[in-house]
Amino acid sequence: NPTEIKAIKEILNAQKECWNNGDIDGFMEGYWNSEELIFTSLNHKPAFGWENTLERYKNSYPTKESMGNFNFEISELKLISDKSARLKGKWELIRKDDNPNGLFWLDLKKFDKKWLITKDSTISFEINIPLSLLECDKNNPS
């Protein structure tokens, strides 16, 4: 259903706009405001509930600079039913000193006439070791 696909994409684009304006509260409007919301990311315990997810975002991104400029690309979007969808894609943050990026998987449900994220699983491909340290020093082998 192209209308539903468009509505889901509009939610994500609205989230992107809020994020890039430093508005985490606005960004969170794309999530289901329920204790049943699930947010998981690699290297962190899952956050259960809307308030805990909001707190996780605010602690992880305390300033507009730390939030950076958010971009995403949807690689797959499937309607499971007329009220349920699954989406996967790539994300990236463009910041002054780094460019974290990774993958995300979202489950969405339609409540009345509005699609909301009910489950968010995100992984990051950040590498904290400079590549130069991973290469062998040919002049000084250990």
N, C-alpha and C. Protein backbone atom coordinates (compact mmCIF):
# COMPACT_ATOMS: atom_id res chain seq x y z
N ASN A 1 0.84 -1.19 0.00
CA ASN A 1 0.00 0.00 0.00
C ASN A 1 0.88 1.25 0.00
N PRO A 2 0.97 1.92 -1.11
CA PRO A 2 1.85 3.10 -1.23
C PRO A 2 1.53 4.21 -0.24
N THR A 3 0.27 4.37 0.14
CA THR A 3 -0.12 5.41 1.09
C THR A 3 0.49 5.15 2.46
N GLU A 4 0.47 3.89 2.90
CA GLU A 4 1.03 3.53 4.20
C GLU A 4 2.55 3.65 4.19
N ILE A 5 3.18 3.21 3.10
CA ILE A 5 4.64 3.33 2.96
C ILE A 5 5.04 4.81 3.06
N LYS A 6 4.29 5.65 2.37
CA LYS A 6 4.57 7.09 2.39
C LYS A 6 4.43 7.65 3.81
N ALA A 7 3.38 7.23 4.52
CA ALA A 7 3.14 7.71 5.89
C ALA A 7 4.28 7.31 6.83
N ILE A 8 4.79 6.09 6.66
CA ILE A 8 5.91 5.62 7.49
C ILE A 8 7.16 6.45 7.19
N LYS A 9 7.43 6.68 5.92
CA LYS A 9 8.60 7.48 5.54
C LYS A 9 8.49 8.91 6.07
N GLU A 10 7.28 9.45 6.10
CA GLU A 10 7.07 10.81 6.62
C GLU A 10 7.42 10.89 8.10
N ILE A 11 7.08 9.84 8.87
CA ILE A 11 7.43 9.81 10.30
C ILE A 11 8.95 9.86 10.46
N LEU A 12 9.66 9.04 9.68
CA LEU A 12 11.12 9.00 9.79
C LEU A 12 11.76 10.31 9.34
N ASN A 13 11.21 10.91 8.29
CA ASN A 13 11.75 12.20 7.83
C ASN A 13 11.50 13.30 8.86
N ALA A 14 10.35 13.25 9.54
CA ALA A 14 10.07 14.23 10.61
C ALA A 14 11.05 14.03 11.76
N GLN A 15 11.37 12.77 12.08
CA GLN A 15 12.35 12.50 13.13
C GLN A 15 13.72 13.06 12.74
N LYS A 16 14.10 12.85 11.50
CA LYS A 16 15.39 13.36 11.01
C LYS A 16 15.46 14.88 11.16
N GLU A 17 14.38 15.55 10.77
CA GLU A 17 14.35 17.01 10.85
C GLU A 17 14.47 17.48 12.31
N CYS A 18 13.74 16.82 13.21
CA CYS A 18 13.84 17.18 14.64
C CYS A 18 15.26 16.95 15.15
N TRP A 19 15.83 15.79 14.83
CA TRP A 19 17.20 15.48 15.28
C TRP A 19 18.17 16.56 14.82
N ASN A 20 18.09 16.90 13.55
CA ASN A 20 19.04 17.86 12.98
C ASN A 20 18.81 19.28 13.49
N ASN A 21 17.68 19.51 14.16
CA ASN A 21 17.43 20.79 14.83
C ASN A 21 17.73 20.71 16.32
N GLY A 22 18.32 19.59 16.77
CA GLY A 22 18.67 19.44 18.18
C GLY A 22 17.48 19.17 19.08
N ASP A 23 16.38 18.67 18.50
CA ASP A 23 15.12 18.48 19.23
C ASP A 23 14.86 17.00 19.50
N ILE A 24 15.43 16.48 20.59
CA ILE A 24 15.24 15.06 20.93
C ILE A 24 13.78 14.79 21.30
N ASP A 25 13.13 15.73 21.99
CA ASP A 25 11.72 15.53 22.35
C ASP A 25 10.86 15.37 21.09
N GLY A 26 11.10 16.20 20.09
CA GLY A 26 10.37 16.07 18.82
C GLY A 26 10.71 14.77 18.11
N PHE A 27 11.98 14.38 18.14
CA PHE A 27 12.43 13.12 17.55
C PHE A 27 11.67 11.95 18.17
N MET A 28 11.46 12.01 19.48
CA MET A 28 10.80 10.92 20.21
C MET A 28 9.31 10.79 19.87
N GLU A 29 8.73 11.79 19.21
CA GLU A 29 7.32 11.69 18.83
C GLU A 29 7.07 10.59 17.81
N GLY A 30 8.13 10.10 17.17
CA GLY A 30 8.00 8.98 16.24
C GLY A 30 7.93 7.62 16.93
N TYR A 31 8.16 7.62 18.25
CA TYR A 31 8.12 6.38 19.03
C TYR A 31 6.79 6.24 19.76
N TRP A 32 6.39 5.01 19.99
CA TRP A 32 5.20 4.68 20.75
C TRP A 32 5.43 5.11 22.20
N ASN A 33 4.58 5.98 22.72
CA ASN A 33 4.73 6.46 24.09
C ASN A 33 4.09 5.44 25.03
N SER A 34 4.87 4.38 25.32
CA SER A 34 4.38 3.26 26.11
C SER A 34 5.54 2.62 26.85
N GLU A 35 5.22 1.99 27.97
CA GLU A 35 6.24 1.22 28.70
C GLU A 35 6.63 -0.03 27.92
N GLU A 36 5.88 -0.37 26.87
CA GLU A 36 6.17 -1.55 26.07
C GLU A 36 7.12 -1.27 24.91
N LEU A 37 7.48 0.00 24.70
CA LEU A 37 8.49 0.34 23.68
C LEU A 37 9.81 -0.34 24.05
N ILE A 38 10.51 -0.89 23.06
CA ILE A 38 11.81 -1.54 23.29
C ILE A 38 12.85 -0.87 22.40
N PHE A 39 13.96 -0.45 23.02
CA PHE A 39 15.09 0.12 22.28
C PHE A 39 16.34 -0.66 22.66
N THR A 40 16.98 -1.27 21.67
CA THR A 40 18.22 -2.01 21.94
C THR A 40 19.32 -1.48 21.05
N SER A 41 20.52 -1.46 21.62
CA SER A 41 21.70 -1.10 20.83
C SER A 41 22.87 -1.91 21.35
N LEU A 42 23.82 -2.17 20.48
CA LEU A 42 24.99 -2.96 20.84
C LEU A 42 25.72 -2.28 21.99
N ASN A 43 26.23 -3.07 22.92
CA ASN A 43 27.02 -2.60 24.07
C ASN A 43 26.21 -1.85 25.12
N HIS A 44 24.89 -1.87 25.04
CA HIS A 44 24.05 -1.25 26.06
C HIS A 44 22.95 -2.23 26.46
N LYS A 45 22.50 -2.12 27.70
CA LYS A 45 21.32 -2.88 28.11
C LYS A 45 20.12 -2.32 27.36
N PRO A 46 19.12 -3.15 27.07
CA PRO A 46 17.92 -2.63 26.41
C PRO A 46 17.24 -1.56 27.26
N ALA A 47 16.64 -0.59 26.60
CA ALA A 47 15.81 0.40 27.29
C ALA A 47 14.36 -0.01 27.06
N PHE A 48 13.64 -0.19 28.14
CA PHE A 48 12.23 -0.55 28.04
C PHE A 48 11.40 0.67 28.40
N GLY A 49 10.51 1.06 27.52
CA GLY A 49 9.62 2.18 27.77
C GLY A 49 10.10 3.47 27.14
N TRP A 50 9.12 4.34 26.87
CA TRP A 50 9.38 5.61 26.19
C TRP A 50 10.27 6.52 27.02
N GLU A 51 9.98 6.64 28.32
CA GLU A 51 10.77 7.54 29.18
C GLU A 51 12.22 7.09 29.26
N ASN A 52 12.46 5.79 29.40
CA ASN A 52 13.84 5.27 29.47
C ASN A 52 14.58 5.48 28.16
N THR A 53 13.86 5.36 27.04
CA THR A 53 14.47 5.58 25.73
C THR A 53 14.83 7.06 25.57
N LEU A 54 13.93 7.94 25.98
CA LEU A 54 14.20 9.38 25.94
C LEU A 54 15.43 9.71 26.79
N GLU A 55 15.49 9.16 27.99
CA GLU A 55 16.62 9.40 28.89
C GLU A 55 17.93 8.89 28.27
N ARG A 56 17.88 7.72 27.63
CA ARG A 56 19.07 7.16 26.97
C ARG A 56 19.57 8.12 25.90
N TYR A 57 18.66 8.61 25.05
CA TYR A 57 19.06 9.55 24.00
C TYR A 57 19.64 10.83 24.59
N LYS A 58 18.98 11.38 25.62
CA LYS A 58 19.46 12.65 26.19
C LYS A 58 20.82 12.48 26.88
N ASN A 59 21.06 11.33 27.50
CA ASN A 59 22.36 11.07 28.12
C ASN A 59 23.45 10.83 27.08
N SER A 60 23.10 10.16 25.99
CA SER A 60 24.08 9.85 24.95
C SER A 60 24.39 11.07 24.07
N TYR A 61 23.43 11.97 23.95
CA TYR A 61 23.57 13.13 23.07
C TYR A 61 23.17 14.40 23.82
N PRO A 62 24.03 14.86 24.75
CA PRO A 62 23.65 15.99 25.61
C PRO A 62 23.63 17.35 24.91
N THR A 63 24.29 17.48 23.76
CA THR A 63 24.36 18.77 23.07
C THR A 63 24.01 18.58 21.59
N LYS A 64 23.67 19.69 20.94
CA LYS A 64 23.39 19.65 19.50
C LYS A 64 24.63 19.18 18.74
N GLU A 65 25.83 19.59 19.20
CA GLU A 65 27.08 19.16 18.55
C GLU A 65 27.24 17.65 18.64
N SER A 66 26.92 17.05 19.79
CA SER A 66 27.05 15.60 19.94
C SER A 66 26.02 14.87 19.09
N MET A 67 24.89 15.51 18.82
CA MET A 67 23.86 14.90 17.98
C MET A 67 24.29 14.88 16.51
N GLY A 68 25.05 15.88 16.10
CA GLY A 68 25.51 15.93 14.72
C GLY A 68 24.37 16.11 13.73
N ASN A 69 24.65 15.76 12.49
CA ASN A 69 23.66 15.81 11.41
C ASN A 69 23.31 14.37 11.05
N PHE A 70 22.04 14.01 11.21
CA PHE A 70 21.56 12.64 11.05
C PHE A 70 21.07 12.40 9.63
N ASN A 71 21.55 11.31 9.05
CA ASN A 71 21.06 10.85 7.75
C ASN A 71 20.71 9.37 7.86
N PHE A 72 19.76 8.94 7.05
CA PHE A 72 19.43 7.51 7.01
C PHE A 72 19.04 7.12 5.59
N GLU A 73 19.11 5.84 5.35
CA GLU A 73 18.71 5.27 4.07
C GLU A 73 17.94 3.99 4.35
N ILE A 74 16.73 3.90 3.86
CA ILE A 74 15.92 2.69 4.06
C ILE A 74 16.33 1.66 3.01
N SER A 75 16.68 0.45 3.48
CA SER A 75 17.04 -0.60 2.52
C SER A 75 15.89 -1.58 2.30
N GLU A 76 14.99 -1.67 3.27
CA GLU A 76 13.84 -2.56 3.11
C GLU A 76 12.70 -2.07 3.99
N LEU A 77 11.50 -2.05 3.45
CA LEU A 77 10.31 -1.64 4.20
C LEU A 77 9.18 -2.57 3.79
N LYS A 78 8.69 -3.37 4.76
CA LYS A 78 7.63 -4.34 4.47
C LYS A 78 6.42 -4.07 5.34
N LEU A 79 5.26 -4.06 4.73
CA LEU A 79 4.02 -4.04 5.49
C LEU A 79 3.68 -5.49 5.82
N ILE A 80 3.63 -5.80 7.11
CA ILE A 80 3.30 -7.15 7.56
C ILE A 80 1.78 -7.33 7.53
N SER A 81 1.07 -6.26 7.89
CA SER A 81 -0.39 -6.22 7.84
C SER A 81 -0.79 -4.76 7.63
N ASP A 82 -2.08 -4.48 7.71
CA ASP A 82 -2.50 -3.08 7.53
C ASP A 82 -2.15 -2.22 8.75
N LYS A 83 -1.70 -2.84 9.85
CA LYS A 83 -1.34 -2.09 11.06
C LYS A 83 0.04 -2.43 11.59
N SER A 84 0.86 -3.11 10.79
CA SER A 84 2.17 -3.55 11.26
C SER A 84 3.18 -3.49 10.11
N ALA A 85 4.38 -2.99 10.42
CA ALA A 85 5.42 -2.88 9.39
C ALA A 85 6.78 -3.17 10.00
N ARG A 86 7.69 -3.58 9.15
CA ARG A 86 9.08 -3.83 9.56
C ARG A 86 9.98 -3.12 8.56
N LEU A 87 11.03 -2.49 9.10
CA LEU A 87 11.90 -1.67 8.27
C LEU A 87 13.34 -1.91 8.67
N LYS A 88 14.24 -1.89 7.70
CA LYS A 88 15.67 -1.90 8.04
C LYS A 88 16.37 -0.87 7.18
N GLY A 89 17.48 -0.36 7.71
CA GLY A 89 18.19 0.67 6.98
C GLY A 89 19.55 0.96 7.57
N LYS A 90 20.20 1.96 6.99
CA LYS A 90 21.52 2.41 7.43
C LYS A 90 21.36 3.81 8.01
N TRP A 91 22.18 4.14 9.00
CA TRP A 91 22.16 5.49 9.57
C TRP A 91 23.58 6.02 9.68
N GLU A 92 23.68 7.33 9.75
CA GLU A 92 24.98 7.95 10.01
C GLU A 92 24.77 9.30 10.69
N LEU A 93 25.74 9.66 11.50
CA LEU A 93 25.81 11.00 12.09
C LEU A 93 27.05 11.67 11.53
N ILE A 94 26.88 12.87 11.05
CA ILE A 94 28.04 13.64 10.57
C ILE A 94 28.32 14.68 11.64
N ARG A 95 29.49 14.51 12.29
CA ARG A 95 29.88 15.42 13.36
C ARG A 95 31.25 16.00 13.05
N LYS A 96 31.63 16.99 13.83
CA LYS A 96 32.88 17.70 13.58
C LYS A 96 34.08 16.74 13.59
N ASP A 97 34.15 15.85 14.58
CA ASP A 97 35.33 15.02 14.77
C ASP A 97 35.17 13.56 14.38
N ASP A 98 33.97 13.12 14.07
CA ASP A 98 33.78 11.72 13.69
C ASP A 98 32.50 11.57 12.88
N ASN A 99 32.30 10.33 12.42
CA ASN A 99 31.17 10.04 11.54
C ASN A 99 30.61 8.66 11.90
N PRO A 100 30.02 8.51 13.12
CA PRO A 100 29.50 7.19 13.48
C PRO A 100 28.38 6.79 12.53
N ASN A 101 28.29 5.48 12.29
CA ASN A 101 27.27 4.98 11.38
C ASN A 101 26.98 3.53 11.69
N GLY A 102 25.90 3.01 11.15
CA GLY A 102 25.54 1.63 11.41
C GLY A 102 24.25 1.25 10.73
N LEU A 103 23.58 0.26 11.33
CA LEU A 103 22.34 -0.28 10.79
C LEU A 103 21.24 -0.17 11.83
N PHE A 104 19.98 -0.16 11.37
CA PHE A 104 18.86 -0.18 12.30
C PHE A 104 17.74 -1.04 11.74
N TRP A 105 16.97 -1.61 12.66
CA TRP A 105 15.79 -2.39 12.35
C TRP A 105 14.66 -1.83 13.20
N LEU A 106 13.54 -1.53 12.58
CA LEU A 106 12.40 -0.96 13.29
C LEU A 106 11.15 -1.81 13.08
N ASP A 107 10.39 -1.99 14.15
CA ASP A 107 9.03 -2.51 14.05
C ASP A 107 8.11 -1.32 14.28
N LEU A 108 7.11 -1.18 13.44
CA LEU A 108 6.15 -0.08 13.57
C LEU A 108 4.74 -0.63 13.62
N LYS A 109 3.88 0.07 14.35
CA LYS A 109 2.46 -0.27 14.39
C LYS A 109 1.66 0.99 14.12
N LYS A 110 0.50 0.78 13.53
CA LYS A 110 -0.40 1.89 13.26
C LYS A 110 -1.41 1.99 14.39
N PHE A 111 -1.41 3.15 15.06
CA PHE A 111 -2.35 3.43 16.14
C PHE A 111 -3.31 4.49 15.62
N ASP A 112 -4.60 4.19 15.57
CA ASP A 112 -5.57 5.06 14.93
C ASP A 112 -5.08 5.34 13.51
N LYS A 113 -4.61 6.56 13.24
CA LYS A 113 -4.15 6.87 11.88
C LYS A 113 -2.66 7.18 11.84
N LYS A 114 -1.94 6.91 12.94
CA LYS A 114 -0.54 7.30 13.00
C LYS A 114 0.37 6.09 13.21
N TRP A 115 1.41 5.99 12.38
CA TRP A 115 2.42 4.95 12.53
C TRP A 115 3.43 5.38 13.58
N LEU A 116 3.81 4.44 14.48
CA LEU A 116 4.80 4.71 15.51
C LEU A 116 5.76 3.54 15.64
N ILE A 117 7.00 3.83 16.01
CA ILE A 117 8.02 2.80 16.23
C ILE A 117 7.74 2.14 17.57
N THR A 118 7.63 0.80 17.56
CA THR A 118 7.40 0.04 18.79
C THR A 118 8.66 -0.69 19.24
N LYS A 119 9.58 -0.93 18.30
CA LYS A 119 10.84 -1.59 18.64
C LYS A 119 11.93 -1.05 17.73
N ASP A 120 13.06 -0.67 18.33
CA ASP A 120 14.20 -0.10 17.60
C ASP A 120 15.43 -0.88 18.01
N SER A 121 16.07 -1.53 17.05
CA SER A 121 17.33 -2.22 17.28
C SER A 121 18.38 -1.56 16.41
N THR A 122 19.42 -1.02 17.03
CA THR A 122 20.42 -0.23 16.32
C THR A 122 21.81 -0.75 16.64
N ILE A 123 22.65 -0.85 15.62
CA ILE A 123 24.06 -1.17 15.86
C ILE A 123 24.92 -0.09 15.21
N SER A 124 26.09 0.10 15.80
CA SER A 124 27.03 1.10 15.31
C SER A 124 28.29 0.41 14.83
N PHE A 125 28.89 0.95 13.77
CA PHE A 125 30.15 0.42 13.25
C PHE A 125 31.34 1.26 13.69
N GLU A 126 31.19 2.04 14.78
CA GLU A 126 32.28 2.90 15.22
C GLU A 126 33.52 2.06 15.53
N ILE A 127 34.67 2.53 15.08
CA ILE A 127 35.95 1.90 15.41
C ILE A 127 36.74 2.93 16.20
N ASN A 128 37.11 2.57 17.43
CA ASN A 128 37.79 3.52 18.30
C ASN A 128 39.31 3.44 18.21
N ILE A 129 39.84 2.47 17.48
CA ILE A 129 41.28 2.33 17.34
C ILE A 129 41.71 2.93 16.01
N PRO A 130 42.64 3.89 16.02
CA PRO A 130 43.10 4.44 14.74
C PRO A 130 43.65 3.33 13.84
N LEU A 131 43.33 3.41 12.56
CA LEU A 131 43.78 2.37 11.62
C LEU A 131 45.29 2.25 11.60
N SER A 132 46.01 3.36 11.83
CA SER A 132 47.48 3.32 11.80
C SER A 132 48.03 2.37 12.86
N LEU A 133 47.31 2.20 13.98
CA LEU A 133 47.76 1.30 15.03
C LEU A 133 47.51 -0.16 14.67
N LEU A 134 46.63 -0.39 13.71
CA LEU A 134 46.32 -1.76 13.31
C LEU A 134 47.30 -2.29 12.27
N GLU A 135 48.09 -1.40 11.67
CA GLU A 135 49.04 -1.81 10.64
C GLU A 135 50.38 -2.16 11.28
N CYS A 136 51.08 -3.10 10.69
CA CYS A 136 52.41 -3.48 11.18
C CYS A 136 53.42 -2.38 10.86
N ASP A 137 54.31 -2.13 11.78
CA ASP A 137 55.41 -1.20 11.53
C ASP A 137 56.53 -2.02 10.90
N LYS A 138 56.70 -1.87 9.60
CA LYS A 138 57.66 -2.70 8.86
C LYS A 138 59.10 -2.41 9.27
N ASN A 139 59.38 -1.20 9.75
CA ASN A 139 60.75 -0.85 10.14
C ASN A 139 61.10 -1.29 11.55
N ASN A 140 60.10 -1.58 12.35
CA ASN A 140 60.34 -1.94 13.74
C ASN A 140 59.44 -3.10 14.14
N PRO A 141 59.69 -4.29 13.56
CA PRO A 141 58.81 -5.43 13.88
C PRO A 141 58.97 -5.84 15.34
N SER A 142 57.88 -6.24 15.97
CA SER A 142 57.98 -6.66 17.37
C SER A 142 58.25 -8.14 17.48
